[in-house]
C-alpha atoms as a PDB file:
ATOM      1  CA  MET A   1      36.447 -48.949-162.400  1.00  0.00           C
ATOM      2  CA  ILE A   2      37.910 -47.947-159.224  1.00  0.00           C
ATOM      3  CA  THR A   3      35.478 -48.521-155.599  1.00  0.00           C
ATOM      4  CA  ILE A   4      35.173 -45.695-153.459  1.00  0.00           C
ATOM      5  CA  LEU A   5      33.493 -46.523-150.359  1.00  0.00           C
ATOM      6  CA  VAL A   6      32.162 -43.597-148.391  1.00  0.00           C
ATOM      7  CA  ARG A   7      31.659 -44.623-144.010  1.00  0.00           C
ATOM      8  CA  GLY A   8      27.645 -42.924-143.956  1.00  0.00           C
ATOM      9  CA  ALA A   9      25.763 -41.163-147.057  1.00  0.00           C
ATOM     10  CA  VAL A  10      26.917 -38.857-149.774  1.00  0.00           C
ATOM     11  CA  SER A  11      24.607 -36.282-151.272  1.00  0.00           C
ATOM     12  CA  ALA A  12      24.130 -36.163-154.808  1.00  0.00           C
ATOM     13  CA  ASP A  13      26.553 -32.874-155.560  1.00  0.00           C
ATOM     14  CA  GLU A  14      29.170 -35.095-153.558  1.00  0.00           C
ATOM     15  CA  HIS A  15      28.921 -38.426-155.656  1.00  0.00           C
ATOM     16  CA  LEU A  16      29.062 -35.919-158.689  1.00  0.00           C
ATOM     17  CA  GLN A  17      31.931 -34.542-157.818  1.00  0.00           C
ATOM     18  CA  ILE A  18      33.814 -37.368-156.964  1.00  0.00           C
ATOM     19  CA  SER A  19      32.576 -38.605-159.976  1.00  0.00           C
ATOM     20  CA  ALA A  20      34.625 -35.704-161.704  1.00  0.00           C
ATOM     21  CA  ALA A  21      37.607 -35.919-159.694  1.00  0.00           C
ATOM     22  CA  TYR A  22      38.252 -39.435-161.055  1.00  0.00           C
ATOM     23  CA  PRO A  23      35.548 -40.553-163.830  1.00  0.00           C
ATOM     24  CA  GLU A  24      34.819 -44.021-164.099  1.00  0.00           C
ATOM     25  CA  THR A  25      34.179 -44.382-160.199  1.00  0.00           C
ATOM     26  CA  GLN A  26      31.662 -46.554-158.531  1.00  0.00           C
ATOM     27  CA  VAL A  27      30.671 -44.749-155.589  1.00  0.00           C
ATOM     28  CA  ILE A  28      29.065 -46.659-151.792  1.00  0.00           C
ATOM     29  CA  ALA A  29      28.311 -45.305-149.360  1.00  0.00           C
ATOM     30  CA  ALA A  30      27.764 -47.131-146.129  1.00  0.00           C
ATOM     31  CA  GLU A  31      28.035 -47.994-142.568  1.00  0.00           C
ATOM     32  CA  GLY A  32      28.359 -50.670-139.806  1.00  0.00           C
ATOM     33  CA  GLU A  33      28.412 -53.967-141.020  1.00  0.00           C
ATOM     34  CA  ASP A  34      27.416 -53.315-144.926  1.00  0.00           C
ATOM     35  CA  PHE A  35      30.105 -51.007-144.612  1.00  0.00           C
ATOM     36  CA  LEU A  36      32.082 -53.705-143.538  1.00  0.00           C
ATOM     37  CA  ARG A  37      30.967 -55.954-146.180  1.00  0.00           C
ATOM     38  CA  HIS A  38      32.026 -53.987-149.136  1.00  0.00           C
ATOM     39  CA  LEU A  39      35.478 -53.193-147.515  1.00  0.00           C
ATOM     40  CA  PRO A  40      37.119 -55.839-149.541  1.00  0.00           C
ATOM     41  CA  ALA A  41      36.571 -54.291-153.040  1.00  0.00           C
ATOM     42  CA  ALA A  42      37.258 -50.742-151.962  1.00  0.00           C
ATOM     43  CA  ASP A  43      39.910 -49.046-153.607  1.00  0.00           C
ATOM     44  CA  ILE A  44      39.670 -45.959-151.718  1.00  0.00           C
ATOM     45  CA  VAL A  45      37.903 -45.306-148.613  1.00  0.00           C
ATOM     46  CA  TRP A  46      36.716 -41.779-147.610  1.00  0.00           C
ATOM     47  CA  GLY A  47      36.254 -42.114-143.711  1.00  0.00           C
ATOM     48  CA  ALA A  48      38.369 -44.071-140.720  1.00  0.00           C
ATOM     49  CA  LEU A  49      39.115 -47.280-140.363  1.00  0.00           C
ATOM     50  CA  ARG A  50      39.503 -49.051-136.761  1.00  0.00           C
ATOM     51  CA  PRO A  51      42.897 -50.811-136.876  1.00  0.00           C
ATOM     52  CA  ALA A  52      41.289 -54.370-136.916  1.00  0.00           C
ATOM     53  CA  GLN A  53      39.324 -53.092-139.953  1.00  0.00           C
ATOM     54  CA  ILE A  54      42.517 -52.164-142.184  1.00  0.00           C
ATOM     55  CA  PRO A  55      43.417 -55.882-143.362  1.00  0.00           C
ATOM     56  CA  LEU A  56      39.958 -55.991-144.444  1.00  0.00           C
ATOM     57  CA  GLY A  57      40.927 -53.500-147.168  1.00  0.00           C
ATOM     58  CA  LYS A  58      43.237 -56.074-149.049  1.00  0.00           C
ATOM     59  CA  LYS A  59      42.757 -53.629-152.531  1.00  0.00           C
ATOM     60  CA  LEU A  60      43.207 -50.205-150.521  1.00  0.00           C
ATOM     61  CA  ARG A  61      45.039 -47.653-152.165  1.00  0.00           C
ATOM     62  CA  LEU A  62      44.293 -44.715-150.194  1.00  0.00           C
ATOM     63  CA  ILE A  63      42.640 -44.442-146.969  1.00  0.00           C
ATOM     64  CA  GLN A  64      41.479 -39.996-146.723  1.00  0.00           C
ATOM     65  CA  VAL A  65      40.251 -39.386-143.403  1.00  0.00           C
ATOM     66  CA  LEU A  66      38.205 -36.435-142.532  1.00  0.00           C
ATOM     67  CA  SER A  67      40.694 -34.989-139.290  1.00  0.00           C
ATOM     68  CA  ALA A  68      43.948 -34.207-139.156  1.00  0.00           C
ATOM     69  CA  GLY A  69      45.280 -36.558-136.115  1.00  0.00           C
ATOM     70  CA  VAL A  70      45.488 -39.993-136.740  1.00  0.00           C
ATOM     71  CA  ASP A  71      46.598 -41.496-133.319  1.00  0.00           C
ATOM     72  CA  HIS A  72      43.183 -43.589-133.528  1.00  0.00           C
ATOM     73  CA  MET A  73      44.912 -44.954-136.623  1.00  0.00           C
ATOM     74  CA  LEU A  74      48.377 -45.998-135.992  1.00  0.00           C
ATOM     75  CA  SER A  75      48.878 -49.622-135.648  1.00  0.00           C
ATOM     76  CA  PRO A  76      50.649 -52.516-136.690  1.00  0.00           C
ATOM     77  CA  GLU A  77      47.926 -53.261-139.153  1.00  0.00           C
ATOM     78  CA  LEU A  78      48.036 -49.958-141.068  1.00  0.00           C
ATOM     79  CA  THR A  79      51.842 -49.805-141.133  1.00  0.00           C
ATOM     80  CA  ALA A  80      51.894 -52.909-142.790  1.00  0.00           C
ATOM     81  CA  SER A  81      48.816 -51.864-145.582  1.00  0.00           C
ATOM     82  CA  GLU A  82      50.040 -50.583-148.608  1.00  0.00           C
ATOM     83  CA  ALA A  83      47.280 -47.929-148.636  1.00  0.00           C
ATOM     84  CA  LEU A  84      48.524 -44.210-148.260  1.00  0.00           C
ATOM     85  CA  LEU A  85      47.148 -42.586-145.475  1.00  0.00           C
ATOM     86  CA  CYS A  86      45.973 -38.606-145.773  1.00  0.00           C
ATOM     87  CA  THR A  87      44.669 -36.061-143.441  1.00  0.00           C
ATOM     88  CA  THR A  88      42.768 -33.131-143.943  1.00  0.00           C
ATOM     89  CA  SER A  89      45.281 -31.345-142.305  1.00  0.00           C
ATOM     90  CA  GLY A  90      45.250 -27.758-143.476  1.00  0.00           C
ATOM     91  CA  ILE A  91      41.570 -26.680-142.402  1.00  0.00           C
ATOM     92  CA  HIS A  92      41.948 -26.231-139.186  1.00  0.00           C
ATOM     93  CA  GLN A  93      43.951 -23.560-138.539  1.00  0.00           C
ATOM     94  CA  GLU A  94      41.901 -20.425-138.798  1.00  0.00           C
ATOM     95  CA  THR A  95      39.029 -22.306-136.267  1.00  0.00           C
ATOM     96  CA  ILE A  96      41.617 -24.019-133.934  1.00  0.00           C
ATOM     97  CA  SER A  97      44.065 -20.614-133.919  1.00  0.00           C
ATOM     98  CA  GLU A  98      40.608 -18.541-133.182  1.00  0.00           C
ATOM     99  CA  HIS A  99      39.854 -20.651-130.517  1.00  0.00           C
ATOM    100  CA  VAL A 100      43.165 -21.037-128.991  1.00  0.00           C
ATOM    101  CA  LEU A 101      42.714 -16.682-128.603  1.00  0.00           C
ATOM    102  CA  GLY A 102      39.596 -17.438-127.080  1.00  0.00           C
ATOM    103  CA  LEU A 103      40.466 -19.472-123.976  1.00  0.00           C
ATOM    104  CA  MET A 104      44.005 -16.579-123.519  1.00  0.00           C
ATOM    105  CA  LEU A 105      41.731 -13.947-124.130  1.00  0.00           C
ATOM    106  CA  CYS A 106      39.098 -15.281-121.103  1.00  0.00           C
ATOM    107  CA  LEU A 107      41.845 -16.460-118.688  1.00  0.00           C
ATOM    108  CA  VAL A 108      43.884 -13.655-118.440  1.00  0.00           C
ATOM    109  CA  ARG A 109      40.711 -11.065-118.956  1.00  0.00           C
ATOM    110  CA  LYS A 110      39.227 -13.104-115.721  1.00  0.00           C
ATOM    111  CA  PHE A 111      36.012 -13.874-117.965  1.00  0.00           C
ATOM    112  CA  PRO A 112      35.150 -16.759-115.732  1.00  0.00           C
ATOM    113  CA  ALA A 113      34.793 -14.900-112.893  1.00  0.00           C
ATOM    114  CA  HIS A 114      33.031 -12.211-113.998  1.00  0.00           C
ATOM    115  CA  ILE A 115      30.156 -14.459-115.548  1.00  0.00           C
ATOM    116  CA  LEU A 116      29.933 -16.052-112.158  1.00  0.00           C
ATOM    117  CA  ASN A 117      30.018 -12.916-110.903  1.00  0.00           C
ATOM    118  CA  GLN A 118      27.464 -11.926-113.608  1.00  0.00           C
ATOM    119  CA  ARG A 119      25.129 -14.163-112.492  1.00  0.00           C
ATOM    120  CA  GLU A 120      25.191 -13.369-108.837  1.00  0.00           C
ATOM    121  CA  ARG A 121      24.417  -9.793-109.705  1.00  0.00           C
ATOM    122  CA  ALA A 122      28.026  -8.821-107.660  1.00  0.00           C
ATOM    123  CA  TRP A 123      30.109  -6.373-108.841  1.00  0.00           C
ATOM    124  CA  ASN A 124      33.717  -7.524-108.118  1.00  0.00           C
ATOM    125  CA  PRO A 125      36.243  -5.208-110.168  1.00  0.00           C
ATOM    126  CA  SER A 126      39.282  -7.892-110.882  1.00  0.00           C
ATOM    127  CA  GLU A 127      43.058  -6.942-112.055  1.00  0.00           C
ATOM    128  CA  PRO A 128      43.341  -8.561-115.270  1.00  0.00           C
ATOM    129  CA  GLU A 129      46.763  -9.872-117.125  1.00  0.00           C
ATOM    130  CA  LEU A 130      47.742  -8.452-120.867  1.00  0.00           C
ATOM    131  CA  LEU A 131      48.565 -10.659-123.212  1.00  0.00           C
ATOM    132  CA  TYR A 132      50.681  -8.174-124.861  1.00  0.00           C
ATOM    133  CA  GLY A 133      54.058  -8.155-124.029  1.00  0.00           C
ATOM    134  CA  GLN A 134      54.078 -11.504-122.739  1.00  0.00           C
ATOM    135  CA  THR A 135      55.653 -14.871-123.721  1.00  0.00           C
ATOM    136  CA  ALA A 136      54.140 -17.802-125.665  1.00  0.00           C
ATOM    137  CA  GLY A 137      55.971 -21.304-126.389  1.00  0.00           C
ATOM    138  CA  ILE A 138      53.926 -23.274-128.954  1.00  0.00           C
ATOM    139  CA  LEU A 139      54.717 -27.130-129.001  1.00  0.00           C
ATOM    140  CA  GLY A 140      54.143 -28.235-132.313  1.00  0.00           C
ATOM    141  CA  PHE A 141      54.716 -25.330-134.673  1.00  0.00           C
ATOM    142  CA  GLY A 142      52.907 -26.830-137.586  1.00  0.00           C
ATOM    143  CA  ALA A 143      50.376 -25.199-140.006  1.00  0.00           C
ATOM    144  CA  ILE A 144      48.273 -25.133-136.348  1.00  0.00           C
ATOM    145  CA  GLY A 145      50.861 -24.138-134.388  1.00  0.00           C
ATOM    146  CA  GLN A 146      51.689 -21.603-137.426  1.00  0.00           C
ATOM    147  CA  ALA A 147      48.401 -19.815-137.279  1.00  0.00           C
ATOM    148  CA  ILE A 148      48.065 -19.331-132.917  1.00  0.00           C
ATOM    149  CA  GLY A 149      51.710 -17.766-133.834  1.00  0.00           C
ATOM    150  CA  GLN A 150      50.292 -14.955-136.295  1.00  0.00           C
ATOM    151  CA  ARG A 151      47.510 -13.836-134.077  1.00  0.00           C
ATOM    152  CA  LEU A 152      49.798 -13.613-130.958  1.00  0.00           C
ATOM    153  CA  LYS A 153      52.101 -11.694-132.674  1.00  0.00           C
ATOM    154  CA  VAL A 154      49.734  -9.345-134.101  1.00  0.00           C
ATOM    155  CA  LEU A 155      48.502  -8.880-129.916  1.00  0.00           C
ATOM    156  CA  GLY A 156      52.566  -8.191-129.107  1.00  0.00           C
ATOM    157  CA  MET A 157      53.712 -11.330-128.269  1.00  0.00           C
ATOM    158  CA  LYS A 158      56.782 -12.980-128.033  1.00  0.00           C
ATOM    159  CA  VAL A 159      56.039 -16.275-129.332  1.00  0.00           C
ATOM    160  CA  LEU A 160      58.157 -19.611-129.284  1.00  0.00           C
ATOM    161  CA  GLY A 161      57.852 -22.144-131.707  1.00  0.00           C
ATOM    162  CA  VAL A 162      59.047 -25.922-130.683  1.00  0.00           C
ATOM    163  CA  ARG A 163      59.100 -28.869-133.682  1.00  0.00           C
ATOM    164  CA  LYS A 164      61.638 -31.631-134.149  1.00  0.00           C
ATOM    165  CA  HIS A 165      62.779 -29.809-137.243  1.00  0.00           C
ATOM    166  CA  PRO A 166      62.595 -26.227-136.497  1.00  0.00           C
ATOM    167  CA  SER A 167      62.962 -24.045-139.368  1.00  0.00           C
ATOM    168  CA  PRO A 168      62.814 -19.771-139.774  1.00  0.00           C
ATOM    169  CA  SER A 169      59.563 -18.285-139.268  1.00  0.00           C
ATOM    170  CA  PRO A 170      57.652 -15.438-139.619  1.00  0.00           C
ATOM    171  CA  TYR A 171      55.043 -16.235-136.978  1.00  0.00           C
ATOM    172  CA  ALA A 172      57.880 -16.432-134.225  1.00  0.00           C
ATOM    173  CA  ASP A 173      60.144 -15.186-132.944  1.00  0.00           C
ATOM    174  CA  GLU A 174      62.194 -18.173-132.662  1.00  0.00           C
ATOM    175  CA  VAL A 175      62.009 -21.435-133.259  1.00  0.00           C
ATOM    176  CA  LEU A 176      63.488 -24.310-131.780  1.00  0.00           C
ATOM    177  CA  PRO A 177      63.887 -28.148-131.630  1.00  0.00           C
ATOM    178  CA  ASP A 178      61.576 -30.329-129.727  1.00  0.00           C
ATOM    179  CA  SER A 179      65.198 -31.411-127.396  1.00  0.00           C
ATOM    180  CA  GLU A 180      65.332 -27.926-126.400  1.00  0.00           C
ATOM    181  CA  LEU A 181      62.167 -28.452-124.439  1.00  0.00           C
ATOM    182  CA  GLU A 182      63.471 -28.099-120.755  1.00  0.00           C
ATOM    183  CA  GLN A 183      65.271 -24.724-121.589  1.00  0.00           C
ATOM    184  CA  VAL A 184      62.244 -23.626-123.079  1.00  0.00           C
ATOM    185  CA  LEU A 185      59.889 -24.342-120.693  1.00  0.00           C
ATOM    186  CA  PRO A 186      60.426 -21.401-117.965  1.00  0.00           C
ATOM    187  CA  ARG A 187      60.663 -18.710-120.394  1.00  0.00           C
ATOM    188  CA  VAL A 188      57.096 -18.988-121.489  1.00  0.00           C
ATOM    189  CA  LYS A 189      54.416 -17.367-120.042  1.00  0.00           C
ATOM    190  CA  HIS A 190      51.498 -19.335-122.389  1.00  0.00           C
ATOM    191  CA  LEU A 191      52.400 -22.643-123.108  1.00  0.00           C
ATOM    192  CA  ILE A 192      50.025 -23.989-125.881  1.00  0.00           C
ATOM    193  CA  VAL A 193      50.066 -27.697-127.105  1.00  0.00           C
ATOM    194  CA  ALA A 194      49.674 -28.986-130.510  1.00  0.00           C
ATOM    195  CA  LEU A 195      51.424 -31.880-130.852  1.00  0.00           C
ATOM    196  CA  PRO A 196      50.220 -35.080-132.763  1.00  0.00           C
ATOM    197  CA  LEU A 197      49.630 -37.568-130.258  1.00  0.00           C
ATOM    198  CA  THR A 198      52.304 -40.540-130.791  1.00  0.00           C
ATOM    199  CA  SER A 199      54.364 -43.239-129.373  1.00  0.00           C
ATOM    200  CA  GLY A 200      57.092 -40.278-129.139  1.00  0.00           C
ATOM    201  CA  THR A 201      54.537 -37.422-127.980  1.00  0.00           C
ATOM    202  CA  GLU A 202      52.351 -39.798-125.788  1.00  0.00           C
ATOM    203  CA  LEU A 203      52.780 -38.073-121.611  1.00  0.00           C
ATOM    204  CA  ALA A 204      55.691 -35.695-123.110  1.00  0.00           C
ATOM    205  CA  LEU A 205      54.538 -33.325-120.677  1.00  0.00           C
ATOM    206  CA  GLN A 206      54.230 -35.065-117.038  1.00  0.00           C
ATOM    207  CA  ARG A 207      54.993 -32.936-113.619  1.00  0.00           C
ATOM    208  CA  ASP A 208      58.927 -32.384-113.828  1.00  0.00           C
ATOM    209  CA  ARG A 209      58.195 -30.710-117.232  1.00  0.00           C
ATOM    210  CA  LEU A 210      55.366 -28.638-116.197  1.00  0.00           C
ATOM    211  CA  MET A 211      57.419 -28.025-112.957  1.00  0.00           C
ATOM    212  CA  LEU A 212      59.316 -25.405-115.226  1.00  0.00           C
ATOM    213  CA  LEU A 213      57.177 -23.627-116.497  1.00  0.00           C
ATOM    214  CA  PRO A 214      57.909 -20.193-113.968  1.00  0.00           C
ATOM    215  CA  THR A 215      55.041 -19.743-111.316  1.00  0.00           C
ATOM    216  CA  GLY A 216      52.241 -18.350-112.539  1.00  0.00           C
ATOM    217  CA  ALA A 217      51.914 -19.512-116.338  1.00  0.00           C
ATOM    218  CA  TYR A 218      48.922 -20.501-118.193  1.00  0.00           C
ATOM    219  CA  PHE A 219      48.428 -23.940-120.025  1.00  0.00           C
ATOM    220  CA  TYR A 220      46.766 -24.693-122.959  1.00  0.00           C
ATOM    221  CA  ASN A 221      46.081 -27.888-124.837  1.00  0.00           C
ATOM    222  CA  ILE A 222      43.790 -28.261-128.026  1.00  0.00           C
ATOM    223  CA  ALA A 223      46.059 -31.375-129.015  1.00  0.00           C
ATOM    224  CA  ARG A 224      45.266 -34.644-127.357  1.00  0.00           C
ATOM    225  CA  GLY A 225      44.618 -34.845-123.458  1.00  0.00           C
ATOM    226  CA  LYS A 226      47.038 -37.707-123.914  1.00  0.00           C
ATOM    227  CA  ILE A 227      50.483 -36.123-124.270  1.00  0.00           C
ATOM    228  CA  VAL A 228      49.711 -34.191-120.830  1.00  0.00           C
ATOM    229  CA  ASP A 229      50.144 -35.994-116.916  1.00  0.00           C
ATOM    230  CA  GLU A 230      46.459 -34.578-116.424  1.00  0.00           C
ATOM    231  CA  VAL A 231      46.725 -35.396-112.585  1.00  0.00           C
ATOM    232  CA  ALA A 232      49.933 -33.881-112.561  1.00  0.00           C
ATOM    233  CA  LEU A 233      48.427 -30.920-114.366  1.00  0.00           C
ATOM    234  CA  ILE A 234      45.088 -30.998-111.966  1.00  0.00           C
ATOM    235  CA  GLU A 235      47.648 -30.800-109.197  1.00  0.00           C
ATOM    236  CA  LEU A 236      49.785 -27.640-110.742  1.00  0.00           C
ATOM    237  CA  LEU A 237      46.462 -25.919-110.984  1.00  0.00           C
ATOM    238  CA  ARG A 238      45.320 -26.708-107.680  1.00  0.00           C
ATOM    239  CA  THR A 239      48.856 -24.810-105.723  1.00  0.00           C
ATOM    240  CA  GLY A 240      48.945 -22.096-108.041  1.00  0.00           C
ATOM    241  CA  HIS A 241      51.782 -23.029-109.681  1.00  0.00           C
ATOM    242  CA  LEU A 242      49.401 -22.971-112.552  1.00  0.00           C
ATOM    243  CA  ALA A 243      47.747 -20.121-113.205  1.00  0.00           C
ATOM    244  CA  GLY A 244      45.588 -21.247-115.723  1.00  0.00           C
ATOM    245  CA  ALA A 245      44.347 -23.770-117.807  1.00  0.00           C
ATOM    246  CA  GLY A 246      42.410 -23.611-121.254  1.00  0.00           C
ATOM    247  CA  LEU A 247      41.723 -27.725-122.086  1.00  0.00           C
ATOM    248  CA  ASP A 248      39.701 -28.845-125.577  1.00  0.00           C
ATOM    249  CA  VAL A 249      41.277 -32.448-125.002  1.00  0.00           C
ATOM    250  CA  PHE A 250      41.255 -35.024-122.359  1.00  0.00           C
ATOM    251  CA  ALA A 251      42.961 -38.323-121.146  1.00  0.00           C
ATOM    252  CA  GLU A 252      39.491 -39.350-121.451  1.00  0.00           C
ATOM    253  CA  GLU A 253      36.340 -38.162-123.360  1.00  0.00           C
ATOM    254  CA  PRO A 254      33.737 -37.401-122.685  1.00  0.00           C
ATOM    255  CA  LEU A 255      35.266 -35.726-119.889  1.00  0.00           C
ATOM    256  CA  PRO A 256      34.203 -37.835-116.566  1.00  0.00           C
ATOM    257  CA  THR A 257      31.547 -36.012-114.663  1.00  0.00           C
ATOM    258  CA  ALA A 258      33.749 -36.829-111.439  1.00  0.00           C
ATOM    259  CA  SER A 259      36.907 -34.950-112.949  1.00  0.00           C
ATOM    260  CA  PRO A 260      37.764 -31.439-110.963  1.00  0.00           C
ATOM    261  CA  LEU A 261      38.317 -29.685-113.853  1.00  0.00           C
ATOM    262  CA  TRP A 262      34.907 -29.160-114.804  1.00  0.00           C
ATOM    263  CA  SER A 263      34.575 -26.626-111.548  1.00  0.00           C
ATOM    264  CA  MET A 264      38.062 -25.507-111.412  1.00  0.00           C
ATOM    265  CA  PRO A 265      37.585 -21.589-110.842  1.00  0.00           C
ATOM    266  CA  ASN A 266      40.650 -21.237-112.986  1.00  0.00           C
ATOM    267  CA  VAL A 267      39.554 -23.992-115.887  1.00  0.00           C
ATOM    268  CA  LEU A 268      37.990 -23.104-119.074  1.00  0.00           C
ATOM    269  CA  VAL A 269      36.805 -26.559-120.307  1.00  0.00           C
ATOM    270  CA  THR A 270      35.741 -26.721-123.932  1.00  0.00           C
ATOM    271  CA  PRO A 271      33.860 -29.841-125.328  1.00  0.00           C
ATOM    272  CA  HIS A 272      36.521 -31.183-127.728  1.00  0.00           C
ATOM    273  CA  CYS A 273      35.069 -28.486-130.923  1.00  0.00           C
ATOM    274  CA  ALA A 274      38.121 -26.086-131.545  1.00  0.00           C
ATOM    275  CA  GLY A 275      38.227 -27.687-134.771  1.00  0.00           C
ATOM    276  CA  ALA A 276      34.723 -27.619-136.103  1.00  0.00           C
ATOM    277  CA  LEU A 277      33.973 -25.525-138.400  1.00  0.00           C
ATOM    278  CA  PRO A 278      30.507 -24.534-139.961  1.00  0.00           C
ATOM    279  CA  ASN A 279      31.337 -25.877-143.048  1.00  0.00           C
ATOM    280  CA  TYR A 280      33.468 -28.787-142.252  1.00  0.00           C
ATOM    281  CA  ARG A 281      32.818 -31.616-144.464  1.00  0.00           C
ATOM    282  CA  GLU A 282      33.010 -29.329-147.476  1.00  0.00           C
ATOM    283  CA  ARG A 283      36.434 -28.271-146.975  1.00  0.00           C
ATOM    284  CA  ALA A 284      36.901 -31.557-146.112  1.00  0.00           C
ATOM    285  CA  LEU A 285      35.934 -33.222-149.180  1.00  0.00           C
ATOM    286  CA  GLU A 286      37.901 -30.414-151.318  1.00  0.00           C
ATOM    287  CA  VAL A 287      41.131 -32.125-149.836  1.00  0.00           C
ATOM    288  CA  PHE A 288      39.847 -35.592-150.783  1.00  0.00           C
ATOM    289  CA  LEU A 289      39.078 -34.579-154.667  1.00  0.00           C
ATOM    290  CA  ASP A 290      42.895 -33.154-154.630  1.00  0.00           C
ATOM    291  CA  ASN A 291      44.145 -36.226-153.340  1.00  0.00           C
ATOM    292  CA  LEU A 292      41.816 -37.934-156.138  1.00  0.00           C
ATOM    293  CA  ARG A 293      42.809 -36.186-159.146  1.00  0.00           C
ATOM    294  CA  ARG A 294      46.399 -36.668-157.908  1.00  0.00           C
ATOM    295  CA  LEU A 295      46.227 -40.158-157.457  1.00  0.00           C
ATOM    296  CA  ARG A 296      44.384 -40.036-161.417  1.00  0.00           C
ATOM    297  CA  LEU A 297      47.561 -38.179-162.599  1.00  0.00           C
ATOM    298  CA  GLY A 298      50.085 -40.279-160.512  1.00  0.00           C
ATOM    299  CA  GLN A 299      50.936 -37.033-158.679  1.00  0.00           C
ATOM    300  CA  PRO A 300      52.208 -37.223-154.653  1.00  0.00           C
ATOM    301  CA  LEU A 301      49.237 -36.670-152.663  1.00  0.00           C
ATOM    302  CA  ILE A 302      48.885 -33.903-149.804  1.00  0.00           C
ATOM    303  CA  ASN A 303      48.716 -34.875-146.158  1.00  0.00           C
ATOM    304  CA  THR A 304      50.120 -38.119-146.646  1.00  0.00           C
ATOM    305  CA  VAL A 305      50.973 -39.580-143.040  1.00  0.00           C
ATOM    306  CA  ASP A 306      54.460 -41.159-142.177  1.00  0.00           C
ATOM    307  CA  LYS A 307      52.893 -44.435-140.564  1.00  0.00           C
ATOM    308  CA  LEU A 308      55.672 -44.893-138.418  1.00  0.00           C
ATOM    309  CA  ALA A 309      56.502 -41.108-137.488  1.00  0.00           C
ATOM    310  CA  GLY A 310      52.550 -41.060-136.928  1.00  0.00           C
ATOM    311  CA  TYR A 311      52.024 -37.894-138.816  1.00  0.00           C
END
């Protein structure tokens, strides 16, 4: 008998599916202090743990989070734990890539200005730009980055993928190593950040690198806010070096009301919702059930995180 501890409530149907994937299982749903009370006896956790909570799970074999990113859990406590850490990577490609496409189209077609004009009943035509024929750089060319590239290729864009270990992709004209980032930046009109946040990617895009983008370039971030120097980003948007930005993530969340990003006419702000799905939990459960079956059969798990690399 193994114990699966779930953070929050579990429906009767979810309970049945979990028990079918791993028979002879005790499923406990708990929150707050009750969750912590059950943690020492748990073999598997479905949900995230804070670093200080990880050592309490002395029997843990698997921590299955509902997110793709795990920067909130990276810590010495996680590294010291024998538990495997797995993500729900793979369920976000469609929704995040559509979100990016929406941000890009809104900015180049000047929709923010048109919406303001509509409110004022003002007839102010503006000249749009085209995505067609432009070059997009996707920093972090994993599953999500490639899904973005797939959609941009359909629009007739040239796509440059950047990743740590490059390999050819049908969704990019070129895939380059991250060591060549500074050579890539001057080539792109649209830079899309899809990197995990790790000690190696935090503040990877500071002012000197952002300045390598050509004047009039666009910037998009659907990864983590701390990857970019937000102060420098705001400065370059104000001076016009960057024509616009579509931002779903920020250094501090919720974005403080005093942030100038809220009112900048060339910025689109969305509240960290690019990865949202109408059936998110159901799709996350499918990943968890697959890993439960694999764990029971002694097979390799999917979406296993390298605790030192951070993804």
